[in-house]
Protein backbone atom coordinates (compact mmCIF):
# COMPACT_ATOMS: atom_id res chain seq x y z
CA UNK A 1 -91.97 79.10 -4.38
CA UNK A 2 -88.47 80.38 -3.59
CA UNK A 3 -87.42 83.77 -2.32
CA UNK A 4 -88.19 86.82 -4.46
CA UNK A 5 -85.71 89.50 -5.46
CA UNK A 6 -86.49 93.01 -4.29
CA UNK A 7 -87.61 93.92 -7.83
CA UNK A 8 -89.99 90.97 -8.11
CA UNK A 9 -91.31 91.57 -4.60
CA UNK A 10 -91.81 95.28 -5.37
CA UNK A 11 -93.90 94.43 -8.44
CA UNK A 12 -95.98 91.88 -6.52
CA UNK A 13 -96.57 94.14 -3.53
CA UNK A 14 -96.92 97.39 -5.50
CA UNK A 15 -94.29 99.01 -3.32
CA UNK A 16 -91.23 100.60 -4.88
CA UNK A 17 -87.75 99.19 -4.17
CA UNK A 18 -86.91 102.53 -2.54
CA UNK A 19 -89.87 102.16 -0.17
CA UNK A 20 -88.90 98.57 0.62
CA UNK A 21 -85.38 99.67 1.55
CA UNK A 22 -86.79 102.37 3.86
CA UNK A 23 -89.20 99.91 5.49
CA UNK A 24 -86.28 97.54 6.05
CA UNK A 25 -84.28 100.30 7.77
CA UNK A 26 -87.26 101.07 10.02
CA UNK A 27 -87.82 97.43 10.88
CA UNK A 28 -91.29 97.58 9.34
CA UNK A 29 -90.71 95.04 6.57
CA UNK A 30 -87.26 93.42 6.82
CA UNK A 31 -86.29 91.01 4.02
CA UNK A 32 -86.18 87.27 4.66
CA UNK A 33 -82.55 87.16 3.56
CA UNK A 34 -79.78 89.59 2.67
CA UNK A 35 -76.95 88.26 0.54
CA UNK A 36 -73.80 88.71 2.65
CA UNK A 37 -71.64 89.42 -0.39
CA UNK A 38 -73.84 91.55 -2.70
CA UNK A 39 -76.18 93.03 -0.09
CA UNK A 40 -79.17 92.12 -2.29
CA UNK A 41 -82.43 91.75 -0.42
CA UNK A 42 -84.68 88.74 -0.91
CA UNK A 43 -88.24 88.38 0.34
CA UNK A 44 -90.45 85.44 1.23
CA UNK A 45 -93.74 85.31 -0.72
CA UNK A 46 -95.44 84.91 2.67
CA UNK A 47 -94.48 88.55 3.37
CA UNK A 48 -96.71 89.79 0.55
CA UNK A 49 -99.78 90.07 2.77
CA UNK A 50 -97.98 92.35 5.22
CA UNK A 51 -96.45 94.33 2.35
CA UNK A 52 -99.84 94.90 0.76
CA UNK A 53 -101.28 96.01 4.09
CA UNK A 54 -98.43 98.51 4.40
CA UNK A 55 -99.15 99.77 0.88
CA UNK A 56 -102.86 100.21 1.61
CA UNK A 57 -102.19 102.04 4.86
CA UNK A 58 -99.70 104.33 3.16
CA UNK A 59 -102.36 105.20 0.59
CA UNK A 60 -104.55 106.24 3.51
CA UNK A 61 -101.74 108.59 4.57
CA UNK A 62 -101.05 106.77 7.84
CA UNK A 63 -97.63 107.62 9.35
CA UNK A 64 -95.09 104.81 9.30
CA UNK A 65 -94.95 104.56 13.10
CA UNK A 66 -98.70 103.89 13.23
CA UNK A 67 -98.43 101.40 10.37
CA UNK A 68 -95.84 99.45 12.33
CA UNK A 69 -98.24 99.30 15.29
CA UNK A 70 -101.17 98.17 13.12
CA UNK A 71 -99.11 95.44 11.45
CA UNK A 72 -98.28 93.87 14.80
CA UNK A 73 -101.94 93.63 15.88
CA UNK A 74 -104.46 90.88 15.34
CA UNK A 75 -107.03 91.68 12.60
CA UNK A 76 -109.76 92.88 14.96
CA UNK A 77 -107.44 95.19 16.91
CA UNK A 78 -105.89 96.41 13.65
CA UNK A 79 -109.35 97.28 12.34
CA UNK A 80 -110.00 99.36 15.48
CA UNK A 81 -106.75 101.25 14.98
CA UNK A 82 -107.56 102.01 11.34
CA UNK A 83 -111.05 103.17 12.35
CA UNK A 84 -109.59 105.48 15.02
CA UNK A 85 -107.03 106.86 12.59
CA UNK A 86 -109.68 107.63 10.01
CA UNK A 87 -111.82 109.35 12.64
CA UNK A 88 -108.91 111.72 13.30
CA UNK A 89 -108.53 112.36 9.58
CA UNK A 90 -112.23 113.17 9.25
CA UNK A 91 -112.03 115.59 12.18
CA UNK A 92 -109.09 117.37 10.55
CA UNK A 93 -110.91 117.40 7.21
CA UNK A 94 -113.95 118.94 8.86
CA UNK A 95 -111.78 121.75 10.24
CA UNK A 96 -110.29 122.37 6.79
CA UNK A 97 -113.78 122.33 5.26
CA UNK A 98 -114.89 124.99 7.72
CA UNK A 99 -111.88 127.10 6.79
CA UNK A 100 -112.58 126.64 3.07
CA UNK A 101 -116.22 127.67 3.56
CA UNK A 102 -115.11 130.74 5.46
CA UNK A 103 -112.67 131.71 2.72
CA UNK A 104 -115.28 131.20 -0.01
CA UNK A 105 -117.69 133.49 1.84
CA UNK A 106 -114.99 136.01 2.63
CA UNK A 107 -113.51 136.18 -0.87
CA UNK A 108 -116.91 136.34 -2.57
CA UNK A 109 -117.94 139.27 -0.39
CA UNK A 110 -120.80 137.51 1.34
CA UNK A 111 -121.95 138.58 4.75
CA UNK A 112 -120.09 136.42 7.25
CA UNK A 113 -122.02 137.59 10.25
CA UNK A 114 -123.66 134.83 12.22
CA UNK A 115 -127.38 134.23 11.76
CA UNK A 116 -129.81 134.37 14.65
CA UNK A 117 -129.54 130.60 14.96
CA UNK A 118 -125.78 130.81 15.40
CA UNK A 119 -125.92 133.55 18.02
CA UNK A 120 -127.95 131.31 20.33
CA UNK A 121 -124.73 129.49 21.31
CA UNK A 122 -122.46 130.52 24.16
CA UNK A 123 -119.85 128.96 26.42
CA UNK A 124 -119.29 128.19 30.08
CA UNK A 125 -115.60 128.23 30.93
CA UNK A 126 -112.98 127.85 33.63
CA UNK A 127 -109.19 127.97 33.89
CA UNK A 128 -106.74 126.65 36.46
CA UNK A 129 -102.93 126.71 36.61
CA UNK A 130 -100.83 124.82 39.13
CA UNK A 131 -97.11 124.64 39.90
CA UNK A 132 -97.18 120.86 40.16
CA UNK A 133 -95.40 118.68 42.70
CA UNK A 134 -91.78 119.14 41.60
CA UNK A 135 -91.19 122.63 40.16
CA UNK A 136 -90.56 125.55 42.52
CA UNK A 137 -92.29 128.12 40.30
CA UNK A 138 -95.05 128.17 37.72
CA UNK A 139 -93.99 129.17 34.19
CA UNK A 140 -97.46 128.49 32.73
CA UNK A 141 -100.19 131.05 32.15
CA UNK A 142 -103.84 130.52 31.33
CA UNK A 143 -106.88 132.67 30.58
CA UNK A 144 -110.60 132.05 30.11
CA UNK A 145 -113.14 134.69 29.15
CA UNK A 146 -116.48 134.83 27.33
CA UNK A 147 -114.76 134.99 23.92
CA UNK A 148 -111.09 134.14 24.51
CA UNK A 149 -109.45 130.99 25.85
CA UNK A 150 -105.65 130.72 26.02
CA UNK A 151 -102.80 128.65 27.44
CA UNK A 152 -99.10 129.54 27.30
CA UNK A 153 -96.15 127.55 28.66
CA UNK A 154 -93.23 129.92 29.15
CA UNK A 155 -89.54 129.08 29.28
CA UNK A 156 -86.25 130.89 29.81
CA UNK A 157 -87.62 133.46 32.21
CA UNK A 158 -90.42 132.23 34.40
CA UNK A 159 -94.00 132.87 33.43
CA UNK A 160 -93.29 136.36 32.06
CA UNK A 161 -93.25 135.28 28.41
CA UNK A 162 -96.52 133.35 28.67
CA UNK A 163 -98.23 136.21 30.46
CA UNK A 164 -96.96 138.71 27.88
CA UNK A 165 -98.26 136.57 25.01
CA UNK A 166 -101.71 136.15 26.54
CA UNK A 167 -101.89 139.84 27.43
CA UNK A 168 -101.39 140.63 23.73
CA UNK A 169 -104.43 138.47 22.91
CA UNK A 170 -106.79 139.86 25.57
CA UNK A 171 -108.27 142.64 23.38
CA UNK A 172 -109.90 139.82 21.36
CA UNK A 173 -112.08 139.02 24.37
CA UNK A 174 -114.04 142.19 23.61
CA UNK A 175 -115.37 140.51 20.46
CA UNK A 176 -114.37 139.94 16.85
CA UNK A 177 -116.73 139.77 13.84
CA UNK A 178 -116.93 136.25 12.43
CA UNK A 179 -115.50 137.34 9.09
CA UNK A 180 -112.41 138.80 10.76
CA UNK A 181 -111.50 135.95 13.11
CA UNK A 182 -108.43 134.67 11.30
CA UNK A 183 -107.01 138.07 10.43
CA UNK A 184 -107.58 139.28 14.01
CA UNK A 185 -105.88 136.17 15.38
CA UNK A 186 -102.91 136.59 13.06
CA UNK A 187 -102.46 140.21 14.10
CA UNK A 188 -102.76 139.24 17.78
CA UNK A 189 -100.18 136.45 17.35
CA UNK A 190 -97.71 138.95 15.90
CA UNK A 191 -98.41 141.29 18.81
CA UNK A 192 -97.62 138.41 21.15
CA UNK A 193 -94.33 137.85 19.35
CA UNK A 194 -93.47 141.53 19.61
CA UNK A 195 -94.29 141.53 23.33
CA UNK A 196 -92.06 138.52 24.00
CA UNK A 197 -89.26 140.04 21.89
CA UNK A 198 -89.50 143.28 23.87
CA UNK A 199 -89.34 141.28 27.09
CA UNK A 200 -86.20 139.48 25.89
CA UNK A 201 -84.56 142.80 24.98
CA UNK A 202 -85.41 144.39 28.33
CA UNK A 203 -83.04 142.31 30.44
CA UNK A 204 -79.97 140.19 29.55
CA UNK A 205 -81.23 137.54 31.95
CA UNK A 206 -84.35 137.19 29.80
CA UNK A 207 -82.70 137.06 26.37
CA UNK A 208 -83.76 133.41 25.83
CA UNK A 209 -87.38 133.76 26.97
CA UNK A 210 -90.11 132.23 24.88
CA UNK A 211 -93.45 130.50 25.18
CA UNK A 212 -95.89 128.17 23.56
CA UNK A 213 -99.29 129.63 22.74
CA UNK A 214 -102.61 127.92 22.07
CA UNK A 215 -105.72 130.10 21.98
CA UNK A 216 -109.30 130.16 20.73
CA UNK A 217 -111.50 133.16 19.97
CA UNK A 218 -115.29 132.80 19.72
CA UNK A 219 -117.73 134.64 17.46
CA UNK A 220 -121.25 133.25 17.48
CA UNK A 221 -120.81 129.53 16.79
CA UNK A 222 -117.56 130.07 14.90
CA UNK A 223 -114.17 129.94 16.58
CA UNK A 224 -110.68 130.75 15.43
CA UNK A 225 -107.67 128.81 16.68
CA UNK A 226 -104.02 129.86 16.85
CA UNK A 227 -101.39 127.37 17.94
CA UNK A 228 -97.61 127.22 18.22
CA UNK A 229 -95.53 124.88 20.38
CA UNK A 230 -96.57 121.80 22.32
CA UNK A 231 -99.49 122.99 24.40
CA UNK A 232 -102.64 121.40 23.00
CA UNK A 233 -106.31 121.88 22.18
CA UNK A 234 -108.81 119.04 22.33
CA UNK A 235 -112.43 118.70 21.26
CA UNK A 236 -114.86 116.26 22.88
CA UNK A 237 -117.75 115.69 20.46
CA UNK A 238 -120.32 112.89 20.60
CA UNK A 239 -118.21 111.06 23.17
CA UNK A 240 -115.04 111.08 21.04
CA UNK A 241 -111.93 113.04 22.00
CA UNK A 242 -109.98 114.69 19.17
CA UNK A 243 -106.65 116.48 19.42
CA UNK A 244 -107.16 119.47 17.12
CA UNK A 245 -103.62 120.84 17.31
CA UNK A 246 -100.32 119.33 16.19
CA UNK A 247 -97.24 119.46 18.42
CA UNK A 248 -94.35 121.50 17.02
CA UNK A 249 -91.61 119.40 18.59
CA UNK A 250 -88.61 117.37 17.49
CA UNK A 251 -90.15 114.13 18.72
CA UNK A 252 -93.45 114.78 16.91
CA UNK A 253 -91.54 115.33 13.68
CA UNK A 254 -89.75 112.01 14.25
CA UNK A 255 -93.11 110.32 14.85
CA UNK A 256 -94.53 111.86 11.68
CA UNK A 257 -91.56 110.56 9.72
CA UNK A 258 -91.94 107.08 11.20
CA UNK A 259 -88.56 107.27 12.91
CA UNK A 260 -89.90 106.62 16.41
CA UNK A 261 -93.18 105.49 17.97
CA UNK A 262 -95.34 107.60 20.33
CA UNK A 263 -94.25 105.26 23.13
CA UNK A 264 -90.58 105.91 22.34
CA UNK A 265 -91.25 109.65 22.22
CA UNK A 266 -92.31 109.63 25.88
CA UNK A 267 -88.74 108.86 26.98
CA UNK A 268 -86.83 110.47 24.11
CA UNK A 269 -83.99 112.74 25.32
CA UNK A 270 -85.20 115.57 23.06
CA UNK A 271 -88.89 115.30 23.97
CA UNK A 272 -88.96 118.87 25.34
CA UNK A 273 -87.24 120.46 22.34
CA UNK A 274 -89.53 122.78 20.39
CA UNK A 275 -89.30 123.41 16.66
CA UNK A 276 -91.68 126.38 16.83
CA UNK A 277 -92.48 128.82 19.62
CA UNK A 278 -93.07 132.49 20.36
CA UNK A 279 -89.51 133.70 20.92
CA UNK A 280 -86.72 131.66 22.44
CA UNK A 281 -84.89 131.42 19.11
CA UNK A 282 -87.47 129.03 17.65
CA UNK A 283 -89.23 129.51 14.32
CA UNK A 284 -92.35 131.67 14.55
CA UNK A 285 -94.81 129.79 12.33
CA UNK A 286 -98.15 129.53 14.12
CA UNK A 287 -100.95 127.33 12.83
CA UNK A 288 -104.34 128.94 12.27
CA UNK A 289 -107.69 127.19 11.88
CA UNK A 290 -111.37 128.02 11.79
CA UNK A 291 -114.02 125.73 13.26
CA UNK A 292 -117.78 125.65 13.71
CA UNK A 293 -118.88 124.78 17.23
CA UNK A 294 -121.96 122.77 18.13
CA UNK A 295 -124.07 122.66 21.25
CA UNK A 296 -122.69 120.00 23.63
CA UNK A 297 -119.11 120.39 22.33
CA UNK A 298 -116.48 120.54 25.04
CA UNK A 299 -113.04 122.07 24.49
CA UNK A 300 -109.83 121.70 26.48
CA UNK A 301 -106.69 123.79 26.15
CA UNK A 302 -103.77 122.56 28.23
CA UNK A 303 -100.02 122.67 28.72
CA UNK A 304 -97.87 119.56 28.37
CA UNK A 305 -97.85 119.22 32.14
CA UNK A 306 -101.21 117.48 31.70
CA UNK A 307 -100.71 115.47 28.52
CA UNK A 308 -97.23 114.32 29.53
CA UNK A 309 -98.58 112.26 32.43
CA UNK A 310 -102.35 111.83 32.03
CA UNK A 311 -103.61 109.35 29.38
CA UNK A 312 -106.07 110.54 26.74
CA UNK A 313 -108.67 108.12 28.06
CA UNK A 314 -108.65 109.80 31.46
CA UNK A 315 -108.90 113.24 29.87
CA UNK A 316 -111.90 112.06 27.83
CA UNK A 317 -113.54 110.59 30.94
CA UNK A 318 -113.25 113.84 32.92
CA UNK A 319 -114.41 116.07 30.06
CA UNK A 320 -117.37 113.80 29.36
CA UNK A 321 -118.51 113.24 32.93
CA UNK A 322 -118.15 116.67 34.52
CA UNK A 323 -120.91 119.17 33.66
CA UNK A 324 -119.14 122.02 35.44
CA UNK A 325 -115.99 123.36 33.69
CA UNK A 326 -114.57 124.45 37.05
CA UNK A 327 -114.83 120.93 38.44
CA UNK A 328 -113.32 119.55 35.24
CA UNK A 329 -110.17 121.73 35.41
CA UNK A 330 -109.68 120.89 39.09
CA UNK A 331 -109.95 117.17 38.39
CA UNK A 332 -107.55 117.33 35.45
CA UNK A 333 -104.94 119.22 37.48
CA UNK A 334 -105.40 116.74 40.34
CA UNK A 335 -104.82 113.83 37.95
CA UNK A 336 -101.55 115.39 36.78
CA UNK A 337 -100.37 115.88 40.35
CA UNK A 338 -101.37 112.36 41.38
CA UNK A 339 -99.23 111.14 38.46
CA UNK A 340 -96.22 112.83 40.03
CA UNK A 341 -96.81 116.42 38.90
CA UNK A 342 -93.34 116.71 37.29
CA UNK A 343 -94.24 119.91 35.44
CA UNK A 344 -96.47 122.94 35.75
CA UNK A 345 -99.98 122.17 34.54
CA UNK A 346 -102.60 124.53 33.13
CA UNK A 347 -106.07 123.60 31.91
CA UNK A 348 -108.80 125.69 30.31
CA UNK A 349 -112.18 124.03 29.69
CA UNK A 350 -115.16 125.43 27.78
CA UNK A 351 -118.62 123.88 27.34
CA UNK A 352 -120.70 125.00 24.36
CA UNK A 353 -124.43 125.32 25.04
CA UNK A 354 -127.55 127.16 24.03
CA UNK A 355 -127.46 130.56 25.71
CA UNK A 356 -130.69 129.91 27.57
CA UNK A 357 -129.08 126.85 29.18
CA UNK A 358 -125.93 128.64 30.34
CA UNK A 359 -125.22 129.06 34.02
CA UNK A 360 -122.21 130.48 35.79
CA UNK A 361 -119.25 128.15 35.83
């Protein structure tokens, strides 16, 4: 069989000509031949298997950058990647399901207070912030309390912006009813924005201050999450590590669009450029989520000083092997510094357990 025109190949692969042109531009599915005079693309029938795999993966919702990686793997390794991708989707779906359940209860006027079973859960927690091996000062801020965990990575004026943002959240550590978690978090996030704006207006030298902000508030076994910027929150559950926040950065948007790979993002010249933040001239559009915690869950909040240099596998190993949150944060910070410590690093770790099993961290 000879080469197929783009129209014939599109029909056979069930991909549109527009999609095929995009995949050619990205190097995902280049044609076998391009007519030098007309520019018409022609495809080899042998490319149909790869094209169909691309189509199936797109139906799963997999980003183009990940599809490119999967297509270059042998079948067994590709299957592992698809399985890992779907595990992340299921974790995100579970978080959305929890939010939907909360909204159904809230809107129908049901009592959202936790039952006696739920109130048996509590957390052990620890926080540690370090300047790192290169920076002269620490612009990060972190906080861990019985109901509030928070990390902020300030910029444009030392750690003042991060501290101001976390200070605005601290009243939540006194306790929030389960049915008011999201509204309380939203109000606190706006207070944080106001505090950072006031800081910027107080001194011309601080006019460009801003900060990331990632925080969790606990109520029984339910927790609310607010996130803006590129600090992160992770959940270790049943031995699997899940990133439960999404970076608000230029490079992450390029990854989502399939323009670059995660590996390329690590050395991208705009890798530190934020699309969203608290202050600093960035858009203020925080993400909010509601989750149900389980006994044995372990949570990590951290600045990019950790995730920029420490692989996810090492983070999972430390969270899974250390039963003391204090030891865990010290080990994570030490890993970042052993990797060169190019940035400030802040880690907050919380272990969920039955209250009767809790001991001081």
